[in-house]
Amino acid sequence: MTTALAAQQTYHLSEAETHKLWRLSQLAAGASEASALALSGLLLDLPKSVRTALLEFAEAGADSGFLLLRGVTVGDLPDTPTVHHSGALQGHPTDGTLTLVADLLGSLVGYLDEKDGALIHDVHAVPGEEKRIENSGSVAFDFHTENVHHPLRPDYLGLLCLRQDHEGVAATRVASVREAVRLLTEEQVAILRTPQFYSSYPASFTRGRSGPVPRSGPHPAVFGPYDRPFMRFNSHTTHAAGAEATAALKALSEALEAVCHNVVLEPGDLVVVDNHVAAHGRSAFVPRYDGRDRWLRRFYSVRSLPGWTQHMMPRQRVVPTLEDIQGVL
């Protein structure tokens, strides 16, 4: 485990870049449901070095699987919400910031099955849900590919810190499969590459649902080129079909822990994660529900979607329910 960040993993915005990004964010706020084409002019006007850093991260596929932007303006904020779907920041300039970054990397999307298709997610603790393994909890949330069960998983996700926890100890934990596989045996990697793993739907996709939790699979946990692999893994919900594969999953989890970067986000930090390269998680913290608790905002971005998916979208940028696309992918 490491907390030190290499220079290539961090980009510090200059004062001029911070001001320009905020001005563009104000213009983009409220337009998150517009098409990426409608925002193309603003994307072209992003500070050149910021745009280059994000595009190079996306195109080069950094082995670390993440890029940290520091110096992003968060503006005036209300108290940290304590309920779901508060709408406390609807139309806030940070909507625009996250939309622009998501659209530069690909296209901002939401999932109808999750939070009714919300495009920007507020991540904060909710009273009574401290032990839930999702963004309303405050217990440790181990390594996971975002929406691991979904055939149209995000290519990238971003987490913008508005407020830290009171003690300043909550870390966003990021671990790359490209670094982790170096600690595994050839036999373990070969097992992880076989389609014998199943991933249950996460809690955020099953709220209010009764009966057994659905699962996807079988699928490999590691796939792609041997020198630049990708990962599909959730330490909470991905399970193996047999003892040998279960042991390989355990070895992967331990290797991810060994190469993990603990990124303690401060207000104005935006971490962008390659969802196919790095798993992420959260360390535990203690909320006080006093209006000053930890508060992040999240986006999902996809590089492309099948044309038929776009025609099935219930509204702009929202991926249809899994029930609607089950068996097609």
Protein backbone atom coordinates (compact mmCIF):
# COMPACT_ATOMS: atom_id res chain seq x y z
CA MET A 1 0.00 0.00 0.00
CA THR A 2 1.27 3.48 -0.86
CA THR A 3 0.06 7.02 -0.28
CA ALA A 4 2.72 8.88 -2.26
CA LEU A 5 1.58 9.99 -5.70
CA ALA A 6 3.85 10.14 -8.73
CA ALA A 7 3.98 13.35 -10.74
CA GLN A 8 2.19 11.74 -13.68
CA GLN A 9 -0.72 10.85 -11.40
CA THR A 10 -1.40 14.45 -10.34
CA TYR A 11 -2.14 17.66 -12.23
CA HIS A 12 -2.21 20.94 -10.30
CA LEU A 13 -4.34 23.61 -11.96
CA SER A 14 -2.79 27.05 -12.13
CA GLU A 15 -4.76 30.00 -10.81
CA ALA A 16 -5.64 31.05 -14.36
CA GLU A 17 -6.76 27.51 -15.24
CA THR A 18 -8.88 27.34 -12.09
CA HIS A 19 -10.66 30.58 -12.97
CA LYS A 20 -11.24 29.57 -16.58
CA LEU A 21 -12.58 26.14 -15.67
CA TRP A 22 -14.98 27.73 -13.17
CA ARG A 23 -16.25 30.20 -15.76
CA LEU A 24 -16.87 27.38 -18.24
CA SER A 25 -18.49 25.31 -15.49
CA GLN A 26 -20.94 28.11 -14.78
CA LEU A 27 -21.90 28.13 -18.45
CA ALA A 28 -22.26 24.35 -18.57
CA ALA A 29 -24.24 24.06 -15.32
CA GLY A 30 -27.80 23.07 -16.02
CA ALA A 31 -26.83 21.64 -19.40
CA SER A 32 -25.79 18.18 -18.20
CA GLU A 33 -28.79 16.62 -19.94
CA ALA A 34 -27.91 18.31 -23.22
CA SER A 35 -25.97 16.32 -25.80
CA ALA A 36 -22.18 16.39 -25.83
CA LEU A 37 -22.43 18.14 -29.21
CA ALA A 38 -24.25 21.04 -27.58
CA LEU A 39 -21.31 21.46 -25.20
CA SER A 40 -18.58 20.99 -27.80
CA GLY A 41 -17.67 24.68 -27.87
CA LEU A 42 -17.08 24.73 -24.12
CA LEU A 43 -15.01 21.56 -24.34
CA LEU A 44 -12.75 23.15 -26.94
CA ASP A 45 -12.35 26.16 -24.67
CA LEU A 46 -11.11 24.15 -21.69
CA PRO A 47 -7.60 25.15 -20.56
CA LYS A 48 -5.25 23.48 -23.01
CA SER A 49 -2.97 21.83 -20.46
CA VAL A 50 -5.92 20.49 -18.45
CA ARG A 51 -7.52 19.11 -21.60
CA THR A 52 -4.22 17.54 -22.67
CA ALA A 53 -3.66 15.90 -19.25
CA LEU A 54 -7.13 14.32 -19.30
CA LEU A 55 -6.94 13.17 -22.93
CA GLU A 56 -3.46 11.70 -22.51
CA PHE A 57 -4.68 9.84 -19.42
CA ALA A 58 -7.59 8.44 -21.39
CA GLU A 59 -5.62 7.54 -24.50
CA ALA A 60 -2.43 6.24 -22.91
CA GLY A 61 -4.23 4.18 -20.27
CA ALA A 62 -1.98 4.90 -17.28
CA ASP A 63 -0.89 1.79 -15.38
CA SER A 64 -2.00 3.40 -12.13
CA GLY A 65 -5.53 3.71 -13.51
CA PHE A 66 -6.20 7.17 -12.12
CA LEU A 67 -5.44 10.88 -12.48
CA LEU A 68 -5.84 13.45 -9.70
CA LEU A 69 -6.70 17.05 -10.60
CA ARG A 70 -6.04 19.54 -7.80
CA GLY A 71 -7.27 23.12 -7.56
CA VAL A 72 -10.82 22.73 -8.90
CA THR A 73 -13.19 25.41 -7.56
CA VAL A 74 -16.18 24.07 -5.62
CA GLY A 75 -17.91 27.40 -4.89
CA ASP A 76 -20.39 28.22 -2.15
CA LEU A 77 -21.98 25.18 -0.59
CA PRO A 78 -25.02 24.48 1.57
CA ASP A 79 -24.86 22.04 4.48
CA THR A 80 -23.93 18.48 3.55
CA PRO A 81 -27.23 16.68 2.88
CA THR A 82 -28.40 13.86 5.14
CA VAL A 83 -31.07 12.43 2.79
CA HIS A 84 -31.06 10.85 -0.65
CA HIS A 85 -31.81 12.92 -3.74
CA SER A 86 -31.74 16.21 -1.83
CA GLY A 87 -31.24 18.29 -4.98
CA ALA A 88 -29.16 20.64 -2.85
CA LEU A 89 -26.79 21.42 -5.72
CA GLN A 90 -29.09 21.21 -8.71
CA GLY A 91 -27.75 23.65 -11.30
CA HIS A 92 -24.61 24.29 -9.23
CA PRO A 93 -21.45 25.07 -11.25
CA THR A 94 -19.91 21.79 -10.10
CA ASP A 95 -22.57 20.10 -12.26
CA GLY A 96 -20.91 21.87 -15.15
CA THR A 97 -17.38 20.92 -14.07
CA LEU A 98 -18.21 17.24 -13.90
CA THR A 99 -20.20 17.30 -17.13
CA LEU A 100 -17.32 18.90 -19.02
CA VAL A 101 -14.74 16.43 -17.71
CA ALA A 102 -17.02 13.46 -18.38
CA ASP A 103 -17.77 14.64 -21.91
CA LEU A 104 -14.11 15.27 -22.65
CA LEU A 105 -13.31 11.66 -21.70
CA GLY A 106 -16.39 10.22 -23.42
CA SER A 107 -20.03 11.00 -22.63
CA LEU A 108 -21.68 11.66 -19.28
CA VAL A 109 -24.25 8.95 -18.50
CA GLY A 110 -26.57 7.73 -15.78
CA TYR A 111 -28.32 4.39 -15.29
CA LEU A 112 -32.09 4.25 -14.96
CA ASP A 113 -31.72 1.34 -12.50
CA GLU A 114 -29.55 3.48 -10.22
CA LYS A 115 -30.81 6.65 -8.56
CA ASP A 116 -33.50 6.93 -11.26
CA GLY A 117 -30.89 7.80 -13.86
CA ALA A 118 -29.30 10.76 -12.06
CA LEU A 119 -26.28 12.03 -14.00
CA ILE A 120 -24.42 13.62 -11.08
CA HIS A 121 -24.41 11.70 -7.79
CA ASP A 122 -23.96 13.25 -4.36
CA VAL A 123 -21.86 10.96 -2.19
CA HIS A 124 -22.38 11.44 1.54
CA ALA A 125 -23.39 9.48 4.59
CA VAL A 126 -27.09 9.07 5.39
CA PRO A 127 -28.28 8.46 8.97
CA GLY A 128 -29.17 4.83 9.54
CA GLU A 129 -27.22 3.64 6.48
CA GLU A 130 -23.72 3.78 7.91
CA LYS A 131 -23.14 0.06 7.30
CA ARG A 132 -24.45 -0.05 3.74
CA ILE A 133 -21.86 -0.94 1.12
CA GLU A 134 -22.64 2.00 -1.15
CA ASN A 135 -22.16 5.74 -1.22
CA SER A 136 -24.61 6.43 1.65
CA GLY A 137 -22.50 4.39 4.07
CA SER A 138 -19.46 5.29 6.13
CA VAL A 139 -17.93 1.86 6.79
CA ALA A 140 -14.99 0.68 4.72
CA PHE A 141 -15.97 -0.02 1.11
CA ASP A 142 -13.51 -2.45 -0.44
CA PHE A 143 -12.17 -2.55 -4.00
CA HIS A 144 -14.73 -2.67 -6.76
CA THR A 145 -15.20 -2.05 -10.45
CA GLU A 146 -18.07 0.42 -10.67
CA ASN A 147 -21.27 -1.33 -11.78
CA VAL A 148 -19.34 -4.57 -12.14
CA HIS A 149 -22.52 -6.48 -13.03
CA HIS A 150 -23.45 -4.28 -15.97
CA PRO A 151 -22.61 -5.02 -19.64
CA LEU A 152 -22.29 -1.26 -20.25
CA ARG A 153 -20.09 -0.36 -17.32
CA PRO A 154 -18.65 3.16 -17.14
CA ASP A 155 -15.26 3.57 -18.77
CA TYR A 156 -14.40 6.33 -16.31
CA LEU A 157 -15.74 7.74 -13.10
CA GLY A 158 -14.84 10.95 -11.35
CA LEU A 159 -15.08 11.96 -7.70
CA LEU A 160 -14.92 15.65 -6.80
CA CYS A 161 -14.36 16.46 -3.14
CA LEU A 162 -16.50 19.28 -1.77
CA ARG A 163 -15.80 18.58 1.93
CA GLN A 164 -13.54 16.22 3.83
CA ASP A 165 -14.64 14.23 6.83
CA HIS A 166 -14.05 16.01 10.14
CA GLU A 167 -10.88 14.07 10.97
CA GLY A 168 -9.52 14.28 7.43
CA VAL A 169 -8.83 10.55 7.34
CA ALA A 170 -11.29 9.16 4.76
CA ALA A 171 -9.33 7.99 1.76
CA THR A 172 -10.41 7.11 -1.75
CA ARG A 173 -8.51 3.87 -2.31
CA VAL A 174 -7.40 3.09 -5.87
CA ALA A 175 -5.66 -0.10 -7.00
CA SER A 176 -4.62 -1.06 -10.53
CA VAL A 177 -4.86 -4.54 -11.96
CA ARG A 178 -1.82 -3.74 -14.11
CA GLU A 179 0.24 -3.29 -10.96
CA ALA A 180 -1.48 -6.11 -9.05
CA VAL A 181 -0.92 -8.88 -11.63
CA ARG A 182 2.82 -8.50 -11.17
CA LEU A 183 2.34 -10.02 -7.72
CA LEU A 184 0.33 -13.00 -8.96
CA THR A 185 1.53 -16.32 -10.36
CA GLU A 186 0.95 -17.27 -13.98
CA GLU A 187 -1.46 -19.95 -12.78
CA GLN A 188 -3.51 -17.47 -10.78
CA VAL A 189 -3.73 -15.05 -13.70
CA ALA A 190 -4.76 -17.86 -16.04
CA ILE A 191 -7.60 -18.80 -13.69
CA LEU A 192 -8.72 -15.18 -13.36
CA ARG A 193 -8.89 -14.95 -17.16
CA THR A 194 -11.42 -17.76 -17.47
CA PRO A 195 -15.17 -16.99 -17.49
CA GLN A 196 -16.09 -18.66 -14.21
CA PHE A 197 -16.97 -15.67 -12.04
CA TYR A 198 -20.35 -14.18 -11.15
CA SER A 199 -21.12 -10.66 -9.92
CA SER A 200 -24.26 -9.85 -7.97
CA TYR A 201 -26.02 -6.57 -8.56
CA PRO A 202 -24.75 -3.92 -6.10
CA ALA A 203 -26.93 -2.38 -3.40
CA SER A 204 -27.44 0.82 -5.39
CA PHE A 205 -29.18 -1.19 -8.14
CA THR A 206 -31.39 -3.25 -5.83
CA ARG A 207 -32.91 -0.66 -3.47
CA GLY A 208 -36.53 -1.54 -2.78
CA ARG A 209 -36.18 -4.87 -4.58
CA SER A 210 -37.44 -8.04 -2.93
CA GLY A 211 -36.34 -11.61 -3.54
CA PRO A 212 -32.92 -12.99 -4.46
CA VAL A 213 -30.30 -10.51 -5.66
CA PRO A 214 -29.71 -11.02 -9.42
CA ARG A 215 -26.24 -11.70 -10.71
CA SER A 216 -24.37 -11.51 -14.00
CA GLY A 217 -21.92 -13.97 -15.45
CA PRO A 218 -20.08 -16.10 -15.95
CA HIS A 219 -17.33 -13.62 -16.81
CA PRO A 220 -13.55 -13.36 -16.38
CA ALA A 221 -12.14 -11.24 -13.57
CA VAL A 222 -9.10 -10.26 -15.69
CA PHE A 223 -9.14 -9.85 -19.46
CA GLY A 224 -7.43 -8.07 -22.35
CA PRO A 225 -3.78 -7.91 -23.43
CA TYR A 226 -1.36 -9.69 -21.11
CA ASP A 227 0.89 -6.65 -20.83
CA ARG A 228 -1.98 -4.18 -20.26
CA PRO A 229 -4.85 -6.13 -18.68
CA PHE A 230 -8.30 -4.97 -17.63
CA MET A 231 -10.39 -6.04 -14.65
CA ARG A 232 -13.99 -6.83 -13.76
CA PHE A 233 -14.08 -7.40 -10.00
CA ASN A 234 -15.98 -6.39 -6.88
CA SER A 235 -14.59 -7.72 -3.62
CA HIS A 236 -18.10 -7.66 -2.11
CA THR A 237 -20.16 -9.14 -4.94
CA THR A 238 -17.90 -11.12 -7.31
CA HIS A 239 -17.78 -14.84 -6.53
CA ALA A 240 -16.16 -17.88 -8.11
CA ALA A 241 -17.64 -21.18 -9.20
CA GLY A 242 -15.05 -23.38 -7.44
CA ALA A 243 -12.35 -23.53 -4.76
CA GLU A 244 -9.42 -22.91 -7.12
CA ALA A 245 -11.08 -19.82 -8.62
CA THR A 246 -12.08 -18.59 -5.16
CA ALA A 247 -8.42 -18.79 -4.09
CA ALA A 248 -7.39 -16.84 -7.20
CA LEU A 249 -9.93 -14.10 -6.38
CA LYS A 250 -8.52 -13.91 -2.85
CA ALA A 251 -5.01 -13.56 -4.27
CA LEU A 252 -6.21 -10.76 -6.58
CA SER A 253 -7.79 -8.93 -3.65
CA GLU A 254 -4.57 -9.22 -1.64
CA ALA A 255 -2.48 -8.01 -4.58
CA LEU A 256 -4.78 -5.00 -5.05
CA GLU A 257 -4.33 -4.17 -1.37
CA ALA A 258 -0.57 -4.37 -1.76
CA VAL A 259 -0.48 -1.86 -4.65
CA CYS A 260 -3.28 0.42 -3.39
CA HIS A 261 -2.94 4.19 -3.42
CA ASN A 262 -4.74 5.86 -0.51
CA VAL A 263 -5.81 9.24 -1.89
CA VAL A 264 -7.12 11.53 0.84
CA LEU A 265 -9.15 13.98 -1.19
CA GLU A 266 -9.28 17.60 -0.09
CA PRO A 267 -11.86 20.17 -1.24
CA GLY A 268 -11.14 20.96 -4.89
CA ASP A 269 -9.58 17.56 -5.65
CA LEU A 270 -11.07 15.62 -8.55
CA VAL A 271 -9.88 12.04 -8.99
CA VAL A 272 -10.64 10.38 -12.34
CA VAL A 273 -10.51 6.57 -12.39
CA ASP A 274 -10.22 4.25 -15.39
CA ASN A 275 -12.95 1.81 -14.38
CA HIS A 276 -11.52 -1.07 -16.42
CA VAL A 277 -7.98 -0.71 -15.08
CA ALA A 278 -8.40 0.29 -11.45
CA ALA A 279 -10.75 -0.79 -8.71
CA HIS A 280 -11.56 1.79 -6.07
CA GLY A 281 -12.93 1.89 -2.57
CA ARG A 282 -13.27 4.03 0.54
CA SER A 283 -11.78 3.83 4.01
CA ALA A 284 -14.09 4.19 7.01
CA PHE A 285 -14.98 7.50 8.64
CA VAL A 286 -17.34 8.75 11.34
CA PRO A 287 -20.09 11.15 10.21
CA ARG A 288 -21.52 13.68 12.66
CA TYR A 289 -24.55 14.85 10.66
CA ASP A 290 -23.84 18.45 11.57
CA GLY A 291 -23.87 19.88 8.03
CA ARG A 292 -20.09 19.60 7.64
CA ASP A 293 -19.65 15.91 6.85
CA ARG A 294 -17.69 14.43 3.96
CA TRP A 295 -19.30 15.23 0.62
CA LEU A 296 -18.18 14.14 -2.83
CA ARG A 297 -19.86 14.40 -6.22
CA ARG A 298 -19.54 11.62 -8.83
CA PHE A 299 -19.88 11.23 -12.58
CA TYR A 300 -19.81 8.27 -14.97
CA SER A 301 -18.42 8.53 -18.49
CA VAL A 302 -18.56 6.03 -21.37
CA ARG A 303 -16.48 6.20 -24.53
CA SER A 304 -19.28 4.89 -26.72
CA LEU A 305 -22.64 3.15 -26.57
CA PRO A 306 -24.34 0.96 -29.20
CA GLY A 307 -26.67 2.99 -31.39
CA TRP A 308 -29.67 0.90 -30.39
CA THR A 309 -29.01 1.69 -26.72
CA GLN A 310 -29.20 5.39 -27.42
CA HIS A 311 -32.53 4.96 -29.19
CA MET A 312 -33.86 3.07 -26.15
CA MET A 313 -32.82 5.74 -23.65
CA PRO A 314 -35.80 6.98 -21.62
CA ARG A 315 -34.19 10.41 -21.62
CA GLN A 316 -30.97 12.02 -22.80
CA ARG A 317 -27.84 10.25 -21.52
CA VAL A 318 -29.69 7.67 -19.36
CA VAL A 319 -28.93 3.97 -20.01
CA PRO A 320 -32.12 1.81 -20.07
CA THR A 321 -32.88 -0.68 -17.32
CA LEU A 322 -31.09 -4.01 -17.35
CA GLU A 323 -34.46 -5.69 -17.76
CA ASP A 324 -34.89 -3.86 -21.07
CA ILE A 325 -31.50 -4.89 -22.46
CA GLN A 326 -31.13 -8.30 -20.79
CA GLY A 327 -29.75 -10.87 -23.22
CA VAL A 328 -28.89 -8.34 -25.92
CA LEU A 329 -25.34 -7.92 -24.62
